[in-house]
């Protein structure tokens, strides 16, 4: 095939060309060498202390395989894989900028959380025209509903039985109404908000949208409460060492908390030791919040042990 014909063929099949480009990128990223803990810390330190661009490039390039691995788990939501990778890259860069190489945590462990967080936020913003999840509970419902329904044998894409709805609501600690609404959203494709409803030419889907945004004064109060509670917990966390902070954040402050076993593997200790550290850290947090706030749960972010 001549060069001109090849170019014509590529322009006639842009999707195929894009897919081929993605495959080459993935293959290249997966072929890069892994870094040792010492190399991670050295590169992170050079970036943090000296703003060494070469060190940043080496650090991020070596962890592109993590971006790809996490992004692949979100392909089922129908969003372009390249967009998922781009959002994962944003998480990778945020992690590189915030990582403290002096703490007893590997960069590869730290960066995975940031990559997942950025991709999840992107999915929630773009999967549907109408925002699917706004609260922590709704986000958890969005990302776990398909899996739970499959586990209980409820594979109907448009309806859900009362018994199963009740079970899912209990498992995810949300209202049954939230489960029903999310099931309908996940089973329906996006509609144009200007499309007519049925045969009624004068009625559009946008006419039936409800603005459930809080009033400005309520929004300000909620934001102030949230900021105050976050400040309380932040001060309490400062009283923990780096390993205790990491375990509390991973176990208690993430939407899908890590297991004792997975944290033990990451930190090179037993899961029982992780449990002991977690319990000791929670006791410190409760003591601090009790002394400075009165009720440790007033902060709104500290669950029961």
C-alpha atoms as a PDB file:
ATOM      1  CA  UNK A   1       0.000   0.000   0.000  1.00  0.00           C
ATOM      2  CA  UNK A   2       1.394   3.414  -0.900  1.00  0.00           C
ATOM      3  CA  UNK A   3       1.884   6.124   1.696  1.00  0.00           C
ATOM      4  CA  UNK A   4      -1.034   8.111   0.270  1.00  0.00           C
ATOM      5  CA  UNK A   5      -3.342   5.080   0.360  1.00  0.00           C
ATOM      6  CA  UNK A   6      -2.305   4.255   3.900  1.00  0.00           C
ATOM      7  CA  UNK A   7      -3.050   7.816   5.002  1.00  0.00           C
ATOM      8  CA  UNK A   8      -6.431   7.649   3.281  1.00  0.00           C
ATOM      9  CA  UNK A   9      -7.213   4.356   5.007  1.00  0.00           C
ATOM     10  CA  UNK A  10      -6.323   5.795   8.408  1.00  0.00           C
ATOM     11  CA  UNK A  11      -8.460   8.892   7.869  1.00  0.00           C
ATOM     12  CA  UNK A  12     -11.360   6.694   6.753  1.00  0.00           C
ATOM     13  CA  UNK A  13     -11.155   4.682   9.960  1.00  0.00           C
ATOM     14  CA  UNK A  14     -10.330   7.181  12.750  1.00  0.00           C
ATOM     15  CA  UNK A  15     -11.638   4.834  15.458  1.00  0.00           C
ATOM     16  CA  UNK A  16      -9.328   2.045  14.344  1.00  0.00           C
ATOM     17  CA  UNK A  17      -6.390   4.442  14.229  1.00  0.00           C
ATOM     18  CA  UNK A  18      -7.196   5.732  17.701  1.00  0.00           C
ATOM     19  CA  UNK A  19      -7.530   2.200  19.070  1.00  0.00           C
ATOM     20  CA  UNK A  20      -4.186   1.260  17.553  1.00  0.00           C
ATOM     21  CA  UNK A  21      -2.604   4.322  19.136  1.00  0.00           C
ATOM     22  CA  UNK A  22      -4.040   3.392  22.532  1.00  0.00           C
ATOM     23  CA  UNK A  23      -2.727  -0.155  22.180  1.00  0.00           C
ATOM     24  CA  UNK A  24       0.771   1.116  21.419  1.00  0.00           C
ATOM     25  CA  UNK A  25       0.613   3.482  24.400  1.00  0.00           C
ATOM     26  CA  UNK A  26      -0.566   0.728  26.741  1.00  0.00           C
ATOM     27  CA  UNK A  27       2.091  -1.687  25.492  1.00  0.00           C
ATOM     28  CA  UNK A  28       4.803   0.929  25.962  1.00  0.00           C
ATOM     29  CA  UNK A  29       3.628   1.846  29.471  1.00  0.00           C
ATOM     30  CA  UNK A  30       3.392  -1.765  30.619  1.00  0.00           C
ATOM     31  CA  UNK A  31       6.926  -2.460  29.353  1.00  0.00           C
ATOM     32  CA  UNK A  32       8.534   0.155  31.604  1.00  0.00           C
ATOM     33  CA  UNK A  33      10.609  -1.078  34.515  1.00  0.00           C
ATOM     34  CA  UNK A  34       9.162  -0.975  38.017  1.00  0.00           C
ATOM     35  CA  UNK A  35      10.850   1.214  40.609  1.00  0.00           C
ATOM     36  CA  UNK A  36      12.171   0.010  43.930  1.00  0.00           C
ATOM     37  CA  UNK A  37      11.019   1.691  47.132  1.00  0.00           C
ATOM     38  CA  UNK A  38      14.382   3.482  47.313  1.00  0.00           C
ATOM     39  CA  UNK A  39      14.124   4.759  43.717  1.00  0.00           C
ATOM     40  CA  UNK A  40      10.587   6.006  44.335  1.00  0.00           C
ATOM     41  CA  UNK A  41      11.670   7.915  47.416  1.00  0.00           C
ATOM     42  CA  UNK A  42      14.755   9.360  45.697  1.00  0.00           C
ATOM     43  CA  UNK A  43      12.816  10.637  42.672  1.00  0.00           C
ATOM     44  CA  UNK A  44      10.000  11.983  44.844  1.00  0.00           C
ATOM     45  CA  UNK A  45      12.535  13.774  47.053  1.00  0.00           C
ATOM     46  CA  UNK A  46      14.274  15.341  44.046  1.00  0.00           C
ATOM     47  CA  UNK A  47      10.947  16.626  42.770  1.00  0.00           C
ATOM     48  CA  UNK A  48       9.740  17.834  46.162  1.00  0.00           C
ATOM     49  CA  UNK A  49      12.970  19.550  47.215  1.00  0.00           C
ATOM     50  CA  UNK A  50      14.529  20.644  43.912  1.00  0.00           C
ATOM     51  CA  UNK A  51      11.585  20.652  41.458  1.00  0.00           C
ATOM     52  CA  UNK A  52      13.669  18.354  39.264  1.00  0.00           C
ATOM     53  CA  UNK A  53      11.556  17.891  36.117  1.00  0.00           C
ATOM     54  CA  UNK A  54      13.547  14.863  34.999  1.00  0.00           C
ATOM     55  CA  UNK A  55      12.869  13.134  38.318  1.00  0.00           C
ATOM     56  CA  UNK A  56       9.156  13.922  38.027  1.00  0.00           C
ATOM     57  CA  UNK A  57       9.096  12.497  34.506  1.00  0.00           C
ATOM     58  CA  UNK A  58      10.825   9.271  35.585  1.00  0.00           C
ATOM     59  CA  UNK A  59       8.533   8.887  38.592  1.00  0.00           C
ATOM     60  CA  UNK A  60       5.294   9.404  36.678  1.00  0.00           C
ATOM     61  CA  UNK A  61       6.311   7.420  33.610  1.00  0.00           C
ATOM     62  CA  UNK A  62       7.153   4.422  35.780  1.00  0.00           C
ATOM     63  CA  UNK A  63       3.653   4.493  37.264  1.00  0.00           C
ATOM     64  CA  UNK A  64       1.671   4.881  34.052  1.00  0.00           C
ATOM     65  CA  UNK A  65       0.914   1.151  34.268  1.00  0.00           C
ATOM     66  CA  UNK A  66      -1.103   1.900  37.424  1.00  0.00           C
ATOM     67  CA  UNK A  67      -3.109   4.565  35.576  1.00  0.00           C
ATOM     68  CA  UNK A  68      -3.915   2.059  32.844  1.00  0.00           C
ATOM     69  CA  UNK A  69      -4.789  -0.713  35.303  1.00  0.00           C
ATOM     70  CA  UNK A  70      -7.187   1.483  37.289  1.00  0.00           C
ATOM     71  CA  UNK A  71      -8.708   3.081  34.177  1.00  0.00           C
ATOM     72  CA  UNK A  72      -9.414  -0.366  32.709  1.00  0.00           C
ATOM     73  CA  UNK A  73     -11.686  -1.152  35.662  1.00  0.00           C
ATOM     74  CA  UNK A  74     -13.944   1.755  34.690  1.00  0.00           C
ATOM     75  CA  UNK A  75     -14.308   0.928  30.981  1.00  0.00           C
ATOM     76  CA  UNK A  76     -17.717  -0.661  31.591  1.00  0.00           C
ATOM     77  CA  UNK A  77     -19.239   2.784  32.103  1.00  0.00           C
ATOM     78  CA  UNK A  78     -18.911   3.461  28.385  1.00  0.00           C
ATOM     79  CA  UNK A  79     -16.592   6.463  28.563  1.00  0.00           C
ATOM     80  CA  UNK A  80     -13.593   6.784  26.211  1.00  0.00           C
ATOM     81  CA  UNK A  81     -10.634   4.858  27.563  1.00  0.00           C
ATOM     82  CA  UNK A  82      -8.320   7.703  26.566  1.00  0.00           C
ATOM     83  CA  UNK A  83     -10.346  10.099  28.724  1.00  0.00           C
ATOM     84  CA  UNK A  84     -10.150   7.735  31.679  1.00  0.00           C
ATOM     85  CA  UNK A  85      -6.378   7.547  31.253  1.00  0.00           C
ATOM     86  CA  UNK A  86      -6.158  11.332  31.041  1.00  0.00           C
ATOM     87  CA  UNK A  87      -8.059  11.712  34.310  1.00  0.00           C
ATOM     88  CA  UNK A  88      -5.854   9.062  35.870  1.00  0.00           C
ATOM     89  CA  UNK A  89      -2.837  11.088  34.769  1.00  0.00           C
ATOM     90  CA  UNK A  90      -4.243  14.072  36.628  1.00  0.00           C
ATOM     91  CA  UNK A  91      -4.412  11.913  39.749  1.00  0.00           C
ATOM     92  CA  UNK A  92      -0.847  10.742  39.109  1.00  0.00           C
ATOM     93  CA  UNK A  93       0.424  14.321  38.920  1.00  0.00           C
ATOM     94  CA  UNK A  94      -1.495  15.342  42.047  1.00  0.00           C
ATOM     95  CA  UNK A  95       0.007  12.413  43.915  1.00  0.00           C
ATOM     96  CA  UNK A  96       3.525  13.309  42.773  1.00  0.00           C
ATOM     97  CA  UNK A  97       3.013  16.870  43.974  1.00  0.00           C
ATOM     98  CA  UNK A  98       1.610  15.898  47.371  1.00  0.00           C
ATOM     99  CA  UNK A  99       3.633  12.813  48.233  1.00  0.00           C
ATOM    100  CA  UNK A 100       5.947  13.068  51.230  1.00  0.00           C
ATOM    101  CA  UNK A 101       8.929  10.736  50.677  1.00  0.00           C
ATOM    102  CA  UNK A 102       9.797  10.893  54.368  1.00  0.00           C
ATOM    103  CA  UNK A 103       6.661   9.015  55.371  1.00  0.00           C
ATOM    104  CA  UNK A 104       6.670   5.236  55.670  1.00  0.00           C
ATOM    105  CA  UNK A 105       4.431   4.707  52.639  1.00  0.00           C
ATOM    106  CA  UNK A 106       5.396   3.670  49.121  1.00  0.00           C
ATOM    107  CA  UNK A 107       4.552   6.076  46.310  1.00  0.00           C
ATOM    108  CA  UNK A 108       2.945   3.239  44.342  1.00  0.00           C
ATOM    109  CA  UNK A 109       0.486   2.696  47.200  1.00  0.00           C
ATOM    110  CA  UNK A 110      -0.191   6.402  47.631  1.00  0.00           C
ATOM    111  CA  UNK A 111      -0.648   7.156  43.934  1.00  0.00           C
ATOM    112  CA  UNK A 112      -3.226   4.418  43.387  1.00  0.00           C
ATOM    113  CA  UNK A 113      -5.659   6.211  45.684  1.00  0.00           C
ATOM    114  CA  UNK A 114      -5.280   9.487  43.772  1.00  0.00           C
ATOM    115  CA  UNK A 115      -5.666   7.821  40.372  1.00  0.00           C
ATOM    116  CA  UNK A 116      -8.832   6.009  41.437  1.00  0.00           C
ATOM    117  CA  UNK A 117     -10.277   9.134  43.042  1.00  0.00           C
ATOM    118  CA  UNK A 118      -9.808  11.305  39.945  1.00  0.00           C
ATOM    119  CA  UNK A 119     -11.238   8.680  37.596  1.00  0.00           C
ATOM    120  CA  UNK A 120     -14.239   8.071  39.854  1.00  0.00           C
ATOM    121  CA  UNK A 121     -14.996  11.789  39.971  1.00  0.00           C
ATOM    122  CA  UNK A 122     -14.739  11.963  36.180  1.00  0.00           C
ATOM    123  CA  UNK A 123     -17.142   9.046  35.752  1.00  0.00           C
ATOM    124  CA  UNK A 124     -19.627  10.620  38.133  1.00  0.00           C
ATOM    125  CA  UNK A 125     -19.448  13.949  36.304  1.00  0.00           C
ATOM    126  CA  UNK A 126     -19.776  12.547  32.810  1.00  0.00           C
ATOM    127  CA  UNK A 127     -21.540   9.188  32.846  1.00  0.00           C
ATOM    128  CA  UNK A 128     -24.939  10.829  32.699  1.00  0.00           C
ATOM    129  CA  UNK A 129     -26.186  14.249  31.659  1.00  0.00           C
ATOM    130  CA  UNK A 130     -28.039  14.383  34.963  1.00  0.00           C
ATOM    131  CA  UNK A 131     -25.584  14.073  37.822  1.00  0.00           C
ATOM    132  CA  UNK A 132     -25.784  10.543  39.200  1.00  0.00           C
ATOM    133  CA  UNK A 133     -24.150  10.780  42.600  1.00  0.00           C
ATOM    134  CA  UNK A 134     -23.678  13.769  44.872  1.00  0.00           C
ATOM    135  CA  UNK A 135     -23.307  12.388  48.388  1.00  0.00           C
ATOM    136  CA  UNK A 136     -20.764   9.821  49.569  1.00  0.00           C
ATOM    137  CA  UNK A 137     -23.544   7.254  49.961  1.00  0.00           C
ATOM    138  CA  UNK A 138     -24.811   7.852  46.409  1.00  0.00           C
ATOM    139  CA  UNK A 139     -21.300   7.532  45.001  1.00  0.00           C
ATOM    140  CA  UNK A 140     -20.840   4.233  46.814  1.00  0.00           C
ATOM    141  CA  UNK A 141     -24.203   3.086  45.480  1.00  0.00           C
ATOM    142  CA  UNK A 142     -23.258   4.057  41.929  1.00  0.00           C
ATOM    143  CA  UNK A 143     -20.002   2.096  41.932  1.00  0.00           C
ATOM    144  CA  UNK A 144     -21.285  -0.976  43.791  1.00  0.00           C
ATOM    145  CA  UNK A 145     -24.867  -1.506  42.619  1.00  0.00           C
ATOM    146  CA  UNK A 146     -24.041  -3.611  39.546  1.00  0.00           C
ATOM    147  CA  UNK A 147     -21.736  -5.895  41.527  1.00  0.00           C
ATOM    148  CA  UNK A 148     -24.199  -6.434  44.370  1.00  0.00           C
ATOM    149  CA  UNK A 149     -27.120  -7.079  42.020  1.00  0.00           C
ATOM    150  CA  UNK A 150     -25.058  -9.660  40.192  1.00  0.00           C
ATOM    151  CA  UNK A 151     -24.152 -11.352  43.469  1.00  0.00           C
ATOM    152  CA  UNK A 152     -27.792 -11.687  44.519  1.00  0.00           C
ATOM    153  CA  UNK A 153     -28.937 -12.805  41.076  1.00  0.00           C
ATOM    154  CA  UNK A 154     -30.947  -9.685  40.225  1.00  0.00           C
ATOM    155  CA  UNK A 155     -29.857  -9.050  36.650  1.00  0.00           C
ATOM    156  CA  UNK A 156     -32.955  -7.240  35.396  1.00  0.00           C
ATOM    157  CA  UNK A 157     -31.802  -3.968  33.939  1.00  0.00           C
ATOM    158  CA  UNK A 158     -35.028  -2.044  34.412  1.00  0.00           C
ATOM    159  CA  UNK A 159     -36.629  -3.223  37.651  1.00  0.00           C
ATOM    160  CA  UNK A 160     -35.672  -4.474  41.071  1.00  0.00           C
ATOM    161  CA  UNK A 161     -37.629  -6.635  43.499  1.00  0.00           C
ATOM    162  CA  UNK A 162     -38.644  -5.196  46.897  1.00  0.00           C
ATOM    163  CA  UNK A 163     -36.658  -7.871  48.757  1.00  0.00           C
ATOM    164  CA  UNK A 164     -33.504  -7.196  46.768  1.00  0.00           C
ATOM    165  CA  UNK A 165     -33.972  -3.452  47.027  1.00  0.00           C
ATOM    166  CA  UNK A 166     -34.196  -3.781  50.787  1.00  0.00           C
ATOM    167  CA  UNK A 167     -31.093  -5.998  50.944  1.00  0.00           C
ATOM    168  CA  UNK A 168     -29.028  -3.645  48.791  1.00  0.00           C
ATOM    169  CA  UNK A 169     -30.158  -0.619  50.788  1.00  0.00           C
ATOM    170  CA  UNK A 170     -29.129  -2.357  54.007  1.00  0.00           C
ATOM    171  CA  UNK A 171     -25.756  -3.498  52.620  1.00  0.00           C
ATOM    172  CA  UNK A 172     -24.838  -0.027  51.333  1.00  0.00           C
ATOM    173  CA  UNK A 173     -26.553   1.915  54.135  1.00  0.00           C
ATOM    174  CA  UNK A 174     -28.734   3.996  51.852  1.00  0.00           C
ATOM    175  CA  UNK A 175     -32.476   4.483  51.450  1.00  0.00           C
ATOM    176  CA  UNK A 176     -34.482   2.004  49.401  1.00  0.00           C
ATOM    177  CA  UNK A 177     -35.698   4.888  47.274  1.00  0.00           C
ATOM    178  CA  UNK A 178     -32.078   5.739  46.412  1.00  0.00           C
ATOM    179  CA  UNK A 179     -31.488   2.149  45.277  1.00  0.00           C
ATOM    180  CA  UNK A 180     -34.556   2.221  43.028  1.00  0.00           C
ATOM    181  CA  UNK A 181     -33.628   5.570  41.491  1.00  0.00           C
ATOM    182  CA  UNK A 182     -30.030   4.525  40.856  1.00  0.00           C
ATOM    183  CA  UNK A 183     -31.110   1.233  39.289  1.00  0.00           C
ATOM    184  CA  UNK A 184     -33.297   3.127  36.826  1.00  0.00           C
ATOM    185  CA  UNK A 185     -30.495   5.546  35.991  1.00  0.00           C
ATOM    186  CA  UNK A 186     -27.981   2.774  35.408  1.00  0.00           C
ATOM    187  CA  UNK A 187     -30.353   0.839  33.169  1.00  0.00           C
ATOM    188  CA  UNK A 188     -31.395   3.794  31.025  1.00  0.00           C
ATOM    189  CA  UNK A 189     -29.302   5.546  28.427  1.00  0.00           C
ATOM    190  CA  UNK A 190     -28.993   9.307  28.595  1.00  0.00           C
ATOM    191  CA  UNK A 191     -31.916  11.177  27.098  1.00  0.00           C
ATOM    192  CA  UNK A 192     -31.725  14.545  25.437  1.00  0.00           C
ATOM    193  CA  UNK A 193     -33.254  16.984  27.885  1.00  0.00           C
ATOM    194  CA  UNK A 194     -34.975  18.689  24.951  1.00  0.00           C
ATOM    195  CA  UNK A 195     -36.520  15.479  23.576  1.00  0.00           C
ATOM    196  CA  UNK A 196     -40.344  15.320  23.705  1.00  0.00           C
ATOM    197  CA  UNK A 197     -41.959  13.096  26.319  1.00  0.00           C
ATOM    198  CA  UNK A 198     -43.965  10.398  24.529  1.00  0.00           C
ATOM    199  CA  UNK A 199     -46.440  11.905  22.079  1.00  0.00           C
ATOM    200  CA  UNK A 200     -46.672  15.198  23.914  1.00  0.00           C
ATOM    201  CA  UNK A 201     -44.916  17.595  21.571  1.00  0.00           C
ATOM    202  CA  UNK A 202     -45.199  20.470  24.046  1.00  0.00           C
ATOM    203  CA  UNK A 203     -43.561  18.563  26.953  1.00  0.00           C
ATOM    204  CA  UNK A 204     -39.823  17.930  27.215  1.00  0.00           C
ATOM    205  CA  UNK A 205     -37.791  15.895  29.675  1.00  0.00           C
ATOM    206  CA  UNK A 206     -36.241  19.072  31.065  1.00  0.00           C
ATOM    207  CA  UNK A 207     -39.709  20.138  32.238  1.00  0.00           C
ATOM    208  CA  UNK A 208     -39.685  17.321  34.767  1.00  0.00           C
ATOM    209  CA  UNK A 209     -36.273  17.985  36.294  1.00  0.00           C
ATOM    210  CA  UNK A 210     -36.407  18.997  39.925  1.00  0.00           C
ATOM    211  CA  UNK A 211     -33.885  21.504  41.258  1.00  0.00           C
ATOM    212  CA  UNK A 212     -32.920  20.008  44.602  1.00  0.00           C
ATOM    213  CA  UNK A 213     -30.013  22.389  45.134  1.00  0.00           C
ATOM    214  CA  UNK A 214     -29.932  23.825  48.636  1.00  0.00           C
ATOM    215  CA  UNK A 215     -30.818  27.444  49.141  1.00  0.00           C
ATOM    216  CA  UNK A 216     -27.743  29.760  49.241  1.00  0.00           C
ATOM    217  CA  UNK A 217     -27.925  30.304  53.003  1.00  0.00           C
ATOM    218  CA  UNK A 218     -28.228  26.540  53.602  1.00  0.00           C
ATOM    219  CA  UNK A 219     -25.295  25.888  51.265  1.00  0.00           C
ATOM    220  CA  UNK A 220     -23.125  28.340  53.198  1.00  0.00           C
ATOM    221  CA  UNK A 221     -24.058  26.734  56.525  1.00  0.00           C
ATOM    222  CA  UNK A 222     -23.360  23.235  55.213  1.00  0.00           C
ATOM    223  CA  UNK A 223     -20.019  24.300  53.777  1.00  0.00           C
ATOM    224  CA  UNK A 224     -19.023  26.010  57.022  1.00  0.00           C
ATOM    225  CA  UNK A 225     -19.938  22.922  59.073  1.00  0.00           C
ATOM    226  CA  UNK A 226     -18.018  20.680  56.695  1.00  0.00           C
ATOM    227  CA  UNK A 227     -14.930  22.894  56.796  1.00  0.00           C
ATOM    228  CA  UNK A 228     -15.031  23.083  60.585  1.00  0.00           C
ATOM    229  CA  UNK A 229     -15.380  19.320  60.934  1.00  0.00           C
ATOM    230  CA  UNK A 230     -12.578  18.709  58.456  1.00  0.00           C
ATOM    231  CA  UNK A 231     -10.366  21.096  60.426  1.00  0.00           C
ATOM    232  CA  UNK A 232     -11.122  19.246  63.660  1.00  0.00           C
ATOM    233  CA  UNK A 233     -10.241  15.905  62.149  1.00  0.00           C
ATOM    234  CA  UNK A 234      -7.167  17.327  60.430  1.00  0.00           C
ATOM    235  CA  UNK A 235      -5.795  18.573  63.746  1.00  0.00           C
ATOM    236  CA  UNK A 236      -6.516  15.202  65.344  1.00  0.00           C
ATOM    237  CA  UNK A 237      -4.742  13.360  62.510  1.00  0.00           C
ATOM    238  CA  UNK A 238      -1.670  15.542  63.008  1.00  0.00           C
ATOM    239  CA  UNK A 239      -1.248  13.800  66.355  1.00  0.00           C
ATOM    240  CA  UNK A 240      -0.734  10.436  64.622  1.00  0.00           C
ATOM    241  CA  UNK A 241       2.443   9.131  63.069  1.00  0.00           C
ATOM    242  CA  UNK A 242       2.626   8.579  59.319  1.00  0.00           C
ATOM    243  CA  UNK A 243       1.704   4.891  59.449  1.00  0.00           C
ATOM    244  CA  UNK A 244      -1.273   5.517  61.715  1.00  0.00           C
ATOM    245  CA  UNK A 245      -2.486   8.326  59.427  1.00  0.00           C
ATOM    246  CA  UNK A 246      -2.186   6.108  56.369  1.00  0.00           C
ATOM    247  CA  UNK A 247      -4.149   3.251  57.961  1.00  0.00           C
ATOM    248  CA  UNK A 248      -6.915   5.565  59.230  1.00  0.00           C
ATOM    249  CA  UNK A 249      -7.280   7.267  55.855  1.00  0.00           C
ATOM    250  CA  UNK A 250      -7.345   3.981  53.966  1.00  0.00           C
ATOM    251  CA  UNK A 251      -9.638   2.172  56.415  1.00  0.00           C
ATOM    252  CA  UNK A 252     -11.938   4.909  57.702  1.00  0.00           C
ATOM    253  CA  UNK A 253     -11.935   7.926  55.409  1.00  0.00           C
ATOM    254  CA  UNK A 254     -12.262   6.269  52.010  1.00  0.00           C
ATOM    255  CA  UNK A 255     -15.583   5.352  50.478  1.00  0.00           C
ATOM    256  CA  UNK A 256     -14.503   1.754  49.885  1.00  0.00           C
ATOM    257  CA  UNK A 257     -12.131   1.206  52.781  1.00  0.00           C
ATOM    258  CA  UNK A 258      -9.131  -1.062  52.308  1.00  0.00           C
ATOM    259  CA  UNK A 259      -9.064  -4.456  54.018  1.00  0.00           C
ATOM    260  CA  UNK A 260      -6.711  -5.288  56.859  1.00  0.00           C
ATOM    261  CA  UNK A 261      -5.027  -7.879  54.663  1.00  0.00           C
ATOM    262  CA  UNK A 262      -4.381  -5.476  51.757  1.00  0.00           C
ATOM    263  CA  UNK A 263      -2.924  -2.845  54.078  1.00  0.00           C
ATOM    264  CA  UNK A 264      -0.784  -5.483  55.739  1.00  0.00           C
ATOM    265  CA  UNK A 265       0.610  -6.467  52.348  1.00  0.00           C
ATOM    266  CA  UNK A 266       1.312  -2.813  51.469  1.00  0.00           C
ATOM    267  CA  UNK A 267       3.042  -2.100  54.762  1.00  0.00           C
ATOM    268  CA  UNK A 268       4.791  -5.456  55.139  1.00  0.00           C
ATOM    269  CA  UNK A 269       3.071  -6.366  58.408  1.00  0.00           C
ATOM    270  CA  UNK A 270       0.349  -8.805  59.469  1.00  0.00           C
ATOM    271  CA  UNK A 271      -3.330  -7.894  59.267  1.00  0.00           C
ATOM    272  CA  UNK A 272      -3.574  -8.333  63.030  1.00  0.00           C
ATOM    273  CA  UNK A 273      -0.834  -5.749  63.458  1.00  0.00           C
ATOM    274  CA  UNK A 274      -2.759  -3.397  61.164  1.00  0.00           C
ATOM    275  CA  UNK A 275      -5.824  -3.891  63.380  1.00  0.00           C
ATOM    276  CA  UNK A 276      -3.808  -3.069  66.495  1.00  0.00           C
ATOM    277  CA  UNK A 277      -2.383   0.107  64.944  1.00  0.00           C
ATOM    278  CA  UNK A 278      -5.833   1.140  63.740  1.00  0.00           C
ATOM    279  CA  UNK A 279      -7.411   0.674  67.175  1.00  0.00           C
ATOM    280  CA  UNK A 280      -4.613   2.604  68.865  1.00  0.00           C
ATOM    281  CA  UNK A 281      -4.942   5.424  66.320  1.00  0.00           C
ATOM    282  CA  UNK A 282      -8.715   5.583  66.778  1.00  0.00           C
ATOM    283  CA  UNK A 283      -8.232   5.858  70.530  1.00  0.00           C
ATOM    284  CA  UNK A 284      -5.860   8.801  69.997  1.00  0.00           C
ATOM    285  CA  UNK A 285      -8.359  10.474  67.654  1.00  0.00           C
ATOM    286  CA  UNK A 286     -11.202  10.052  70.130  1.00  0.00           C
ATOM    287  CA  UNK A 287      -9.096  11.452  72.984  1.00  0.00           C
ATOM    288  CA  UNK A 288      -8.108  14.487  70.910  1.00  0.00           C
ATOM    289  CA  UNK A 289     -11.641  15.173  69.665  1.00  0.00           C
ATOM    290  CA  UNK A 290     -13.125  14.680  73.121  1.00  0.00           C
ATOM    291  CA  UNK A 291     -10.658  17.148  74.607  1.00  0.00           C
ATOM    292  CA  UNK A 292     -11.105  19.776  71.873  1.00  0.00           C
ATOM    293  CA  UNK A 293     -14.670  19.269  70.636  1.00  0.00           C
ATOM    294  CA  UNK A 294     -16.507  17.491  73.426  1.00  0.00           C
ATOM    295  CA  UNK A 295     -18.054  14.668  71.419  1.00  0.00           C
ATOM    296  CA  UNK A 296     -15.647  12.755  69.138  1.00  0.00           C
ATOM    297  CA  UNK A 297     -18.483  12.120  66.665  1.00  0.00           C
ATOM    298  CA  UNK A 298     -19.349  15.820  66.444  1.00  0.00           C
ATOM    299  CA  UNK A 299     -16.677  16.048  63.759  1.00  0.00           C
ATOM    300  CA  UNK A 300     -18.984  13.972  61.587  1.00  0.00           C
ATOM    301  CA  UNK A 301     -16.104  12.098  59.960  1.00  0.00           C
ATOM    302  CA  UNK A 302     -15.067   9.641  62.651  1.00  0.00           C
ATOM    303  CA  UNK A 303     -17.015   6.367  62.501  1.00  0.00           C
ATOM    304  CA  UNK A 304     -17.478   4.006  65.395  1.00  0.00           C
ATOM    305  CA  UNK A 305     -14.702   1.469  65.863  1.00  0.00           C
END
